[in-house]
């Protein structure tokens, strides 16, 4: 029997941790009057910036589809159970 938690449990734990980490940032944004739509735009811009900087394929233009496919691929890899 493996000590590794099931993939869904691991994913939930990861997302819960991220939510916990985001709370002080959201509070700071709200304290400075940054609206929810503005926060979403900041998140989108950050997402694209990180994808372009760290996950770009050499010699290929970065596209929304490629960013989305990369995120889906990484998520599916995390959810696969080890053999």
PDB file of N, CA and C in Angstrom:
ATOM      1  N   UNK A   1       0.847  -1.181   0.000  1.00  0.00           N
ATOM      2  CA  UNK A   1       0.000   0.000   0.000  1.00  0.00           C
ATOM      3  C   UNK A   1       0.892   1.244   0.000  1.00  0.00           C
ATOM      4  N   UNK A   2       0.498   2.222  -0.762  1.00  0.00           N
ATOM      5  CA  UNK A   2       1.281   3.447  -0.913  1.00  0.00           C
ATOM      6  C   UNK A   2       0.855   4.492   0.113  1.00  0.00           C
ATOM      7  N   UNK A   3       1.835   5.298   0.564  1.00  0.00           N
ATOM      8  CA  UNK A   3       1.533   6.398   1.478  1.00  0.00           C
ATOM      9  C   UNK A   3       1.138   7.662   0.726  1.00  0.00           C
ATOM     10  N   UNK A   4       1.132   7.604  -0.595  1.00  0.00           N
ATOM     11  CA  UNK A   4       0.778   8.755  -1.413  1.00  0.00           C
ATOM     12  C   UNK A   4      -0.730   8.951  -1.385  1.00  0.00           C
ATOM     13  N   UNK A   5      -1.204  10.191  -1.064  1.00  0.00           N
ATOM     14  CA  UNK A   5      -2.651  10.419  -1.059  1.00  0.00           C
ATOM     15  C   UNK A   5      -3.210  10.345  -2.477  1.00  0.00           C
ATOM     16  N   UNK A   6      -4.502  10.033  -2.608  1.00  0.00           N
ATOM     17  CA  UNK A   6      -5.123   9.982  -3.929  1.00  0.00           C
ATOM     18  C   UNK A   6      -4.990  11.331  -4.643  1.00  0.00           C
ATOM     19  N   UNK A   7      -4.921  11.320  -5.985  1.00  0.00           N
ATOM     20  CA  UNK A   7      -4.725  12.563  -6.732  1.00  0.00           C
ATOM     21  C   UNK A   7      -5.761  13.636  -6.430  1.00  0.00           C
ATOM     22  N   UNK A   8      -7.032  13.270  -6.301  1.00  0.00           N
ATOM     23  CA  UNK A   8      -8.065  14.262  -6.030  1.00  0.00           C
ATOM     24  C   UNK A   8      -7.837  14.913  -4.672  1.00  0.00           C
ATOM     25  N   UNK A   9      -7.457  14.135  -3.679  1.00  0.00           N
ATOM     26  CA  UNK A   9      -7.175  14.670  -2.348  1.00  0.00           C
ATOM     27  C   UNK A   9      -5.978  15.618  -2.404  1.00  0.00           C
ATOM     28  N   UNK A  10      -4.958  15.245  -3.146  1.00  0.00           N
ATOM     29  CA  UNK A  10      -3.778  16.091  -3.299  1.00  0.00           C
ATOM     30  C   UNK A  10      -4.150  17.400  -3.976  1.00  0.00           C
ATOM     31  N   UNK A  11      -4.964  17.333  -5.023  1.00  0.00           N
ATOM     32  CA  UNK A  11      -5.407  18.532  -5.745  1.00  0.00           C
ATOM     33  C   UNK A  11      -6.209  19.450  -4.827  1.00  0.00           C
ATOM     34  N   UNK A  12      -7.110  18.878  -4.047  1.00  0.00           N
ATOM     35  CA  UNK A  12      -7.913  19.687  -3.115  1.00  0.00           C
ATOM     36  C   UNK A  12      -7.022  20.358  -2.072  1.00  0.00           C
ATOM     37  N   UNK A  13      -6.059  19.625  -1.559  1.00  0.00           N
ATOM     38  CA  UNK A  13      -5.144  20.177  -0.563  1.00  0.00           C
ATOM     39  C   UNK A  13      -4.336  21.326  -1.172  1.00  0.00           C
ATOM     40  N   UNK A  14      -3.865  21.122  -2.390  1.00  0.00           N
ATOM     41  CA  UNK A  14      -3.104  22.156  -3.094  1.00  0.00           C
ATOM     42  C   UNK A  14      -3.949  23.417  -3.281  1.00  0.00           C
ATOM     43  N   UNK A  15      -5.178  23.255  -3.774  1.00  0.00           N
ATOM     44  CA  UNK A  15      -6.039  24.418  -4.004  1.00  0.00           C
ATOM     45  C   UNK A  15      -6.409  25.110  -2.699  1.00  0.00           C
ATOM     46  N   UNK A  16      -6.600  24.347  -1.651  1.00  0.00           N
ATOM     47  CA  UNK A  16      -6.882  24.933  -0.341  1.00  0.00           C
ATOM     48  C   UNK A  16      -5.702  25.769   0.143  1.00  0.00           C
ATOM     49  N   UNK A  17      -4.501  25.272  -0.071  1.00  0.00           N
ATOM     50  CA  UNK A  17      -3.293  26.012   0.306  1.00  0.00           C
ATOM     51  C   UNK A  17      -3.177  27.299  -0.496  1.00  0.00           C
ATOM     52  N   UNK A  18      -3.445  27.225  -1.792  1.00  0.00           N
ATOM     53  CA  UNK A  18      -3.390  28.417  -2.640  1.00  0.00           C
ATOM     54  C   UNK A  18      -4.422  29.441  -2.176  1.00  0.00           C
ATOM     55  N   UNK A  19      -5.631  28.988  -1.872  1.00  0.00           N
ATOM     56  CA  UNK A  19      -6.666  29.905  -1.381  1.00  0.00           C
ATOM     57  C   UNK A  19      -6.194  30.607  -0.107  1.00  0.00           C
ATOM     58  N   UNK A  20      -5.588  29.854   0.784  1.00  0.00           N
ATOM     59  CA  UNK A  20      -5.071  30.422   2.031  1.00  0.00           C
ATOM     60  C   UNK A  20      -3.991  31.475   1.747  1.00  0.00           C
ATOM     61  N   UNK A  21      -3.113  31.194   0.788  1.00  0.00           N
ATOM     62  CA  UNK A  21      -2.046  32.133   0.439  1.00  0.00           C
ATOM     63  C   UNK A  21      -2.580  33.392  -0.243  1.00  0.00           C
ATOM     64  N   UNK A  22      -3.677  33.265  -0.976  1.00  0.00           N
ATOM     65  CA  UNK A  22      -4.242  34.412  -1.691  1.00  0.00           C
ATOM     66  C   UNK A  22      -4.975  35.393  -0.774  1.00  0.00           C
ATOM     67  N   UNK A  23      -5.468  34.923   0.350  1.00  0.00           N
ATOM     68  CA  UNK A  23      -6.296  35.765   1.210  1.00  0.00           C
ATOM     69  C   UNK A  23      -5.615  37.063   1.640  1.00  0.00           C
ATOM     70  N   UNK A  24      -4.355  37.056   2.098  1.00  0.00           N
ATOM     71  CA  UNK A  24      -3.724  38.338   2.456  1.00  0.00           C
ATOM     72  C   UNK A  24      -3.564  39.268   1.249  1.00  0.00           C
ATOM     73  N   UNK A  25      -3.301  38.702   0.096  1.00  0.00           N
ATOM     74  CA  UNK A  25      -3.165  39.509  -1.115  1.00  0.00           C
ATOM     75  C   UNK A  25      -4.506  40.151  -1.480  1.00  0.00           C
ATOM     76  N   UNK A  26      -5.578  39.382  -1.428  1.00  0.00           N
ATOM     77  CA  UNK A  26      -6.909  39.916  -1.722  1.00  0.00           C
ATOM     78  C   UNK A  26      -7.270  41.001  -0.716  1.00  0.00           C
ATOM     79  N   UNK A  27      -6.952  40.777   0.539  1.00  0.00           N
ATOM     80  CA  UNK A  27      -7.236  41.800   1.551  1.00  0.00           C
ATOM     81  C   UNK A  27      -6.484  43.090   1.238  1.00  0.00           C
ATOM     82  N   UNK A  28      -5.219  42.977   0.865  1.00  0.00           N
ATOM     83  CA  UNK A  28      -4.417  44.140   0.502  1.00  0.00           C
ATOM     84  C   UNK A  28      -5.036  44.868  -0.695  1.00  0.00           C
ATOM     85  N   UNK A  29      -5.450  44.110  -1.699  1.00  0.00           N
ATOM     86  CA  UNK A  29      -6.080  44.719  -2.873  1.00  0.00           C
ATOM     87  C   UNK A  29      -7.371  45.431  -2.494  1.00  0.00           C
ATOM     88  N   UNK A  30      -8.197  44.798  -1.663  1.00  0.00           N
ATOM     89  CA  UNK A  30      -9.444  45.426  -1.226  1.00  0.00           C
ATOM     90  C   UNK A  30      -9.179  46.671  -0.386  1.00  0.00           C
ATOM     91  N   UNK A  31      -8.178  46.604   0.491  1.00  0.00           N
ATOM     92  CA  UNK A  31      -7.816  47.770   1.309  1.00  0.00           C
ATOM     93  C   UNK A  31      -7.424  48.965   0.448  1.00  0.00           C
ATOM     94  N   UNK A  32      -6.908  48.679  -0.748  1.00  0.00           N
ATOM     95  CA  UNK A  32      -6.491  49.752  -1.654  1.00  0.00           C
ATOM     96  C   UNK A  32      -7.542  50.051  -2.722  1.00  0.00           C
ATOM     97  N   UNK A  33      -8.745  49.533  -2.525  1.00  0.00           N
ATOM     98  CA  UNK A  33      -9.857  49.861  -3.405  1.00  0.00           C
ATOM     99  C   UNK A  33      -9.822  49.204  -4.770  1.00  0.00           C
ATOM    100  N   UNK A  34      -9.077  48.118  -4.903  1.00  0.00           N
ATOM    101  CA  UNK A  34      -9.011  47.426  -6.191  1.00  0.00           C
ATOM    102  C   UNK A  34     -10.246  46.527  -6.307  1.00  0.00           C
ATOM    103  N   UNK A  35     -11.058  46.780  -7.325  1.00  0.00           N
ATOM    104  CA  UNK A  35     -12.313  46.047  -7.501  1.00  0.00           C
ATOM    105  C   UNK A  35     -12.063  44.602  -7.933  1.00  0.00           C
ATOM    106  N   UNK A  36     -13.107  43.779  -7.813  1.00  0.00           N
ATOM    107  CA  UNK A  36     -13.020  42.383  -8.248  1.00  0.00           C
ATOM    108  C   UNK A  36     -12.668  42.286  -9.732  1.00  0.00           C
ATOM    109  N   UNK A  37     -13.356  43.035 -10.619  1.00  0.00           N
ATOM    110  CA  UNK A  37     -12.971  42.961 -12.038  1.00  0.00           C
ATOM    111  C   UNK A  37     -11.508  43.358 -12.275  1.00  0.00           C
ATOM    112  N   UNK A  38     -11.017  44.351 -11.547  1.00  0.00           N
ATOM    113  CA  UNK A  38      -9.613  44.756 -11.696  1.00  0.00           C
ATOM    114  C   UNK A  38      -8.685  43.650 -11.190  1.00  0.00           C
ATOM    115  N   UNK A  39      -9.086  42.957 -10.115  1.00  0.00           N
ATOM    116  CA  UNK A  39      -8.274  41.849  -9.601  1.00  0.00           C
ATOM    117  C   UNK A  39      -8.210  40.714 -10.620  1.00  0.00           C
ATOM    118  N   UNK A  40      -9.332  40.435 -11.276  1.00  0.00           N
ATOM    119  CA  UNK A  40      -9.367  39.386 -12.297  1.00  0.00           C
ATOM    120  C   UNK A  40      -8.438  39.750 -13.449  1.00  0.00           C
ATOM    121  N   UNK A  41      -8.457  41.016 -13.863  1.00  0.00           N
ATOM    122  CA  UNK A  41      -7.569  41.456 -14.944  1.00  0.00           C
ATOM    123  C   UNK A  41      -6.102  41.324 -14.532  1.00  0.00           C
ATOM    124  N   UNK A  42      -5.787  41.648 -13.275  1.00  0.00           N
ATOM    125  CA  UNK A  42      -4.418  41.474 -12.774  1.00  0.00           C
ATOM    126  C   UNK A  42      -4.009  40.000 -12.804  1.00  0.00           C
ATOM    127  N   UNK A  43      -4.912  39.135 -12.370  1.00  0.00           N
ATOM    128  CA  UNK A  43      -4.627  37.699 -12.368  1.00  0.00           C
ATOM    129  C   UNK A  43      -4.402  37.185 -13.790  1.00  0.00           C
ATOM    130  N   UNK A  44      -5.265  37.610 -14.721  1.00  0.00           N
ATOM    131  CA  UNK A  44      -5.101  37.194 -16.119  1.00  0.00           C
ATOM    132  C   UNK A  44      -3.755  37.651 -16.671  1.00  0.00           C
ATOM    133  N   UNK A  45      -3.414  38.913 -16.420  1.00  0.00           N
ATOM    134  CA  UNK A  45      -2.146  39.444 -16.925  1.00  0.00           C
ATOM    135  C   UNK A  45      -0.968  38.681 -16.323  1.00  0.00           C
ATOM    136  N   UNK A  46      -1.043  38.372 -15.040  1.00  0.00           N
ATOM    137  CA  UNK A  46       0.026  37.616 -14.382  1.00  0.00           C
ATOM    138  C   UNK A  46       0.123  36.206 -14.944  1.00  0.00           C
ATOM    139  N   UNK A  47      -1.014  35.584 -15.171  1.00  0.00           N
ATOM    140  CA  UNK A  47      -1.065  34.231 -15.726  1.00  0.00           C
ATOM    141  C   UNK A  47      -0.375  34.188 -17.088  1.00  0.00           C
ATOM    142  N   UNK A  48      -0.728  35.149 -17.943  1.00  0.00           N
ATOM    143  CA  UNK A  48      -0.141  35.205 -19.284  1.00  0.00           C
ATOM    144  C   UNK A  48       1.352  35.503 -19.202  1.00  0.00           C
ATOM    145  N   UNK A  49       1.736  36.425 -18.318  1.00  0.00           N
ATOM    146  CA  UNK A  49       3.150  36.777 -18.168  1.00  0.00           C
ATOM    147  C   UNK A  49       3.975  35.550 -17.750  1.00  0.00           C
ATOM    148  N   UNK A  50       3.506  34.831 -16.759  1.00  0.00           N
ATOM    149  CA  UNK A  50       4.231  33.648 -16.273  1.00  0.00           C
ATOM    150  C   UNK A  50       4.275  32.569 -17.355  1.00  0.00           C
ATOM    151  N   UNK A  51       3.155  32.336 -18.011  1.00  0.00           N
ATOM    152  CA  UNK A  51       3.130  31.323 -19.077  1.00  0.00           C
ATOM    153  C   UNK A  51       4.093  31.692 -20.195  1.00  0.00           C
ATOM    154  N   UNK A  52       4.117  32.964 -20.558  1.00  0.00           N
ATOM    155  CA  UNK A  52       5.003  33.409 -21.631  1.00  0.00           C
ATOM    156  C   UNK A  52       6.466  33.318 -21.219  1.00  0.00           C
ATOM    157  N   UNK A  53       6.742  33.636 -19.984  1.00  0.00           N
ATOM    158  CA  UNK A  53       8.132  33.653 -19.520  1.00  0.00           C
ATOM    159  C   UNK A  53       8.688  32.254 -19.247  1.00  0.00           C
ATOM    160  N   UNK A  54       7.885  31.405 -18.621  1.00  0.00           N
ATOM    161  CA  UNK A  54       8.411  30.129 -18.139  1.00  0.00           C
ATOM    162  C   UNK A  54       7.970  28.896 -18.932  1.00  0.00           C
ATOM    163  N   UNK A  55       6.933  29.013 -19.730  1.00  0.00           N
ATOM    164  CA  UNK A  55       6.397  27.832 -20.406  1.00  0.00           C
ATOM    165  C   UNK A  55       6.323  27.998 -21.920  1.00  0.00           C
ATOM    166  N   UNK A  56       7.066  28.933 -22.443  1.00  0.00           N
ATOM    167  CA  UNK A  56       7.055  29.199 -23.880  1.00  0.00           C
ATOM    168  C   UNK A  56       7.840  28.111 -24.606  1.00  0.00           C
ATOM    169  N   UNK A  57       7.309  27.675 -25.738  1.00  0.00           N
ATOM    170  CA  UNK A  57       8.005  26.704 -26.574  1.00  0.00           C
ATOM    171  C   UNK A  57       8.910  27.462 -27.531  1.00  0.00           C
ATOM    172  N   UNK A  58      10.151  27.064 -27.571  1.00  0.00           N
ATOM    173  CA  UNK A  58      11.126  27.751 -28.414  1.00  0.00           C
ATOM    174  C   UNK A  58      10.700  27.696 -29.880  1.00  0.00           C
ATOM    175  N   UNK A  59      10.738  28.858 -30.519  1.00  0.00           N
ATOM    176  CA  UNK A  59      10.415  28.940 -31.936  1.00  0.00           C
ATOM    177  C   UNK A  59       8.933  28.960 -32.248  1.00  0.00           C
ATOM    178  N   UNK A  60       8.083  28.999 -31.226  1.00  0.00           N
ATOM    179  CA  UNK A  60       6.633  29.026 -31.450  1.00  0.00           C
ATOM    180  C   UNK A  60       6.038  30.218 -30.724  1.00  0.00           C
ATOM    181  N   UNK A  61       5.087  30.860 -31.389  1.00  0.00           N
ATOM    182  CA  UNK A  61       4.398  31.998 -30.778  1.00  0.00           C
ATOM    183  C   UNK A  61       3.510  31.496 -29.642  1.00  0.00           C
ATOM    184  N   UNK A  62       3.450  32.275 -28.568  1.00  0.00           N
ATOM    185  CA  UNK A  62       2.592  31.918 -27.446  1.00  0.00           C
ATOM    186  C   UNK A  62       1.159  32.315 -27.789  1.00  0.00           C
ATOM    187  N   UNK A  63       0.224  31.418 -27.588  1.00  0.00           N
ATOM    188  CA  UNK A  63      -1.184  31.696 -27.857  1.00  0.00           C
ATOM    189  C   UNK A  63      -2.007  31.313 -26.638  1.00  0.00           C
ATOM    190  N   UNK A  64      -3.242  31.833 -26.583  1.00  0.00           N
ATOM    191  CA  UNK A  64      -4.148  31.460 -25.496  1.00  0.00           C
ATOM    192  C   UNK A  64      -4.358  29.948 -25.472  1.00  0.00           C
ATOM    193  N   UNK A  65      -4.525  29.355 -26.645  1.00  0.00           N
ATOM    194  CA  UNK A  65      -4.750  27.908 -26.726  1.00  0.00           C
ATOM    195  C   UNK A  65      -3.559  27.130 -26.197  1.00  0.00           C
ATOM    196  N   UNK A  66      -2.356  27.568 -26.548  1.00  0.00           N
ATOM    197  CA  UNK A  66      -1.153  26.870 -26.096  1.00  0.00           C
ATOM    198  C   UNK A  66      -1.018  26.980 -24.571  1.00  0.00           C
ATOM    199  N   UNK A  67      -1.307  28.159 -24.018  1.00  0.00           N
ATOM    200  CA  UNK A  67      -1.247  28.340 -22.562  1.00  0.00           C
ATOM    201  C   UNK A  67      -2.255  27.409 -21.893  1.00  0.00           C
ATOM    202  N   UNK A  68      -3.467  27.361 -22.424  1.00  0.00           N
ATOM    203  CA  UNK A  68      -4.525  26.521 -21.855  1.00  0.00           C
ATOM    204  C   UNK A  68      -4.143  25.044 -21.948  1.00  0.00           C
ATOM    205  N   UNK A  69      -3.626  24.622 -23.099  1.00  0.00           N
ATOM    206  CA  UNK A  69      -3.222  23.226 -23.273  1.00  0.00           C
ATOM    207  C   UNK A  69      -2.087  22.858 -22.328  1.00  0.00           C
ATOM    208  N   UNK A  70      -1.154  23.782 -22.132  1.00  0.00           N
ATOM    209  CA  UNK A  70      -0.036  23.527 -21.223  1.00  0.00           C
ATOM    210  C   UNK A  70      -0.541  23.332 -19.800  1.00  0.00           C
ATOM    211  N   UNK A  71      -1.478  24.182 -19.380  1.00  0.00           N
ATOM    212  CA  UNK A  71      -2.041  24.064 -18.031  1.00  0.00           C
ATOM    213  C   UNK A  71      -2.800  22.750 -17.883  1.00  0.00           C
ATOM    214  N   UNK A  72      -3.583  22.378 -18.905  1.00  0.00           N
ATOM    215  CA  UNK A  72      -4.324  21.113 -18.863  1.00  0.00           C
ATOM    216  C   UNK A  72      -3.375  19.924 -18.789  1.00  0.00           C
ATOM    217  N   UNK A  73      -2.297  19.965 -19.575  1.00  0.00           N
ATOM    218  CA  UNK A  73      -1.330  18.873 -19.595  1.00  0.00           C
ATOM    219  C   UNK A  73      -0.670  18.722 -18.224  1.00  0.00           C
ATOM    220  N   UNK A  74      -0.261  19.834 -17.624  1.00  0.00           N
ATOM    221  CA  UNK A  74       0.386  19.770 -16.316  1.00  0.00           C
ATOM    222  C   UNK A  74      -0.581  19.242 -15.260  1.00  0.00           C
ATOM    223  N   UNK A  75      -1.836  19.665 -15.318  1.00  0.00           N
ATOM    224  CA  UNK A  75      -2.831  19.186 -14.358  1.00  0.00           C
ATOM    225  C   UNK A  75      -3.063  17.688 -14.532  1.00  0.00           C
ATOM    226  N   UNK A  76      -3.135  17.211 -15.767  1.00  0.00           N
ATOM    227  CA  UNK A  76      -3.371  15.778 -15.980  1.00  0.00           C
ATOM    228  C   UNK A  76      -2.176  14.956 -15.520  1.00  0.00           C
ATOM    229  N   UNK A  77      -0.968  15.489 -15.664  1.00  0.00           N
ATOM    230  CA  UNK A  77       0.222  14.781 -15.171  1.00  0.00           C
ATOM    231  C   UNK A  77       0.191  14.651 -13.651  1.00  0.00           C
ATOM    232  N   UNK A  78      -0.253  15.707 -12.951  1.00  0.00           N
ATOM    233  CA  UNK A  78      -0.313  15.671 -11.489  1.00  0.00           C
ATOM    234  C   UNK A  78      -1.324  14.646 -11.011  1.00  0.00           C
ATOM    235  N   UNK A  79      -2.396  14.449 -11.783  1.00  0.00           N
ATOM    236  CA  UNK A  79      -3.475  13.564 -11.346  1.00  0.00           C
ATOM    237  C   UNK A  79      -3.227  12.099 -11.657  1.00  0.00           C
ATOM    238  N   UNK A  80      -2.216  11.792 -12.447  1.00  0.00           N
ATOM    239  CA  UNK A  80      -1.938  10.394 -12.765  1.00  0.00           C
ATOM    240  C   UNK A  80      -1.345   9.701 -11.550  1.00  0.00           C
ATOM    241  N   UNK A  81      -1.836   8.516 -11.299  1.00  0.00           N
ATOM    242  CA  UNK A  81      -1.311   7.757 -10.167  1.00  0.00           C
ATOM    243  C   UNK A  81      -0.009   7.090 -10.566  1.00  0.00           C
ATOM    244  N   UNK A  82       0.970   7.052  -9.659  1.00  0.00           N
ATOM    245  CA  UNK A  82       2.233   6.387  -9.979  1.00  0.00           C
ATOM    246  C   UNK A  82       2.037   4.890 -10.145  1.00  0.00           C
ATOM    247  N   UNK A  83       2.829   4.301 -11.020  1.00  0.00           N
ATOM    248  CA  UNK A  83       2.710   2.857 -11.286  1.00  0.00           C
ATOM    249  C   UNK A  83       3.345   2.042 -10.187  1.00  0.00           C
TER     250      UNK A  83
END
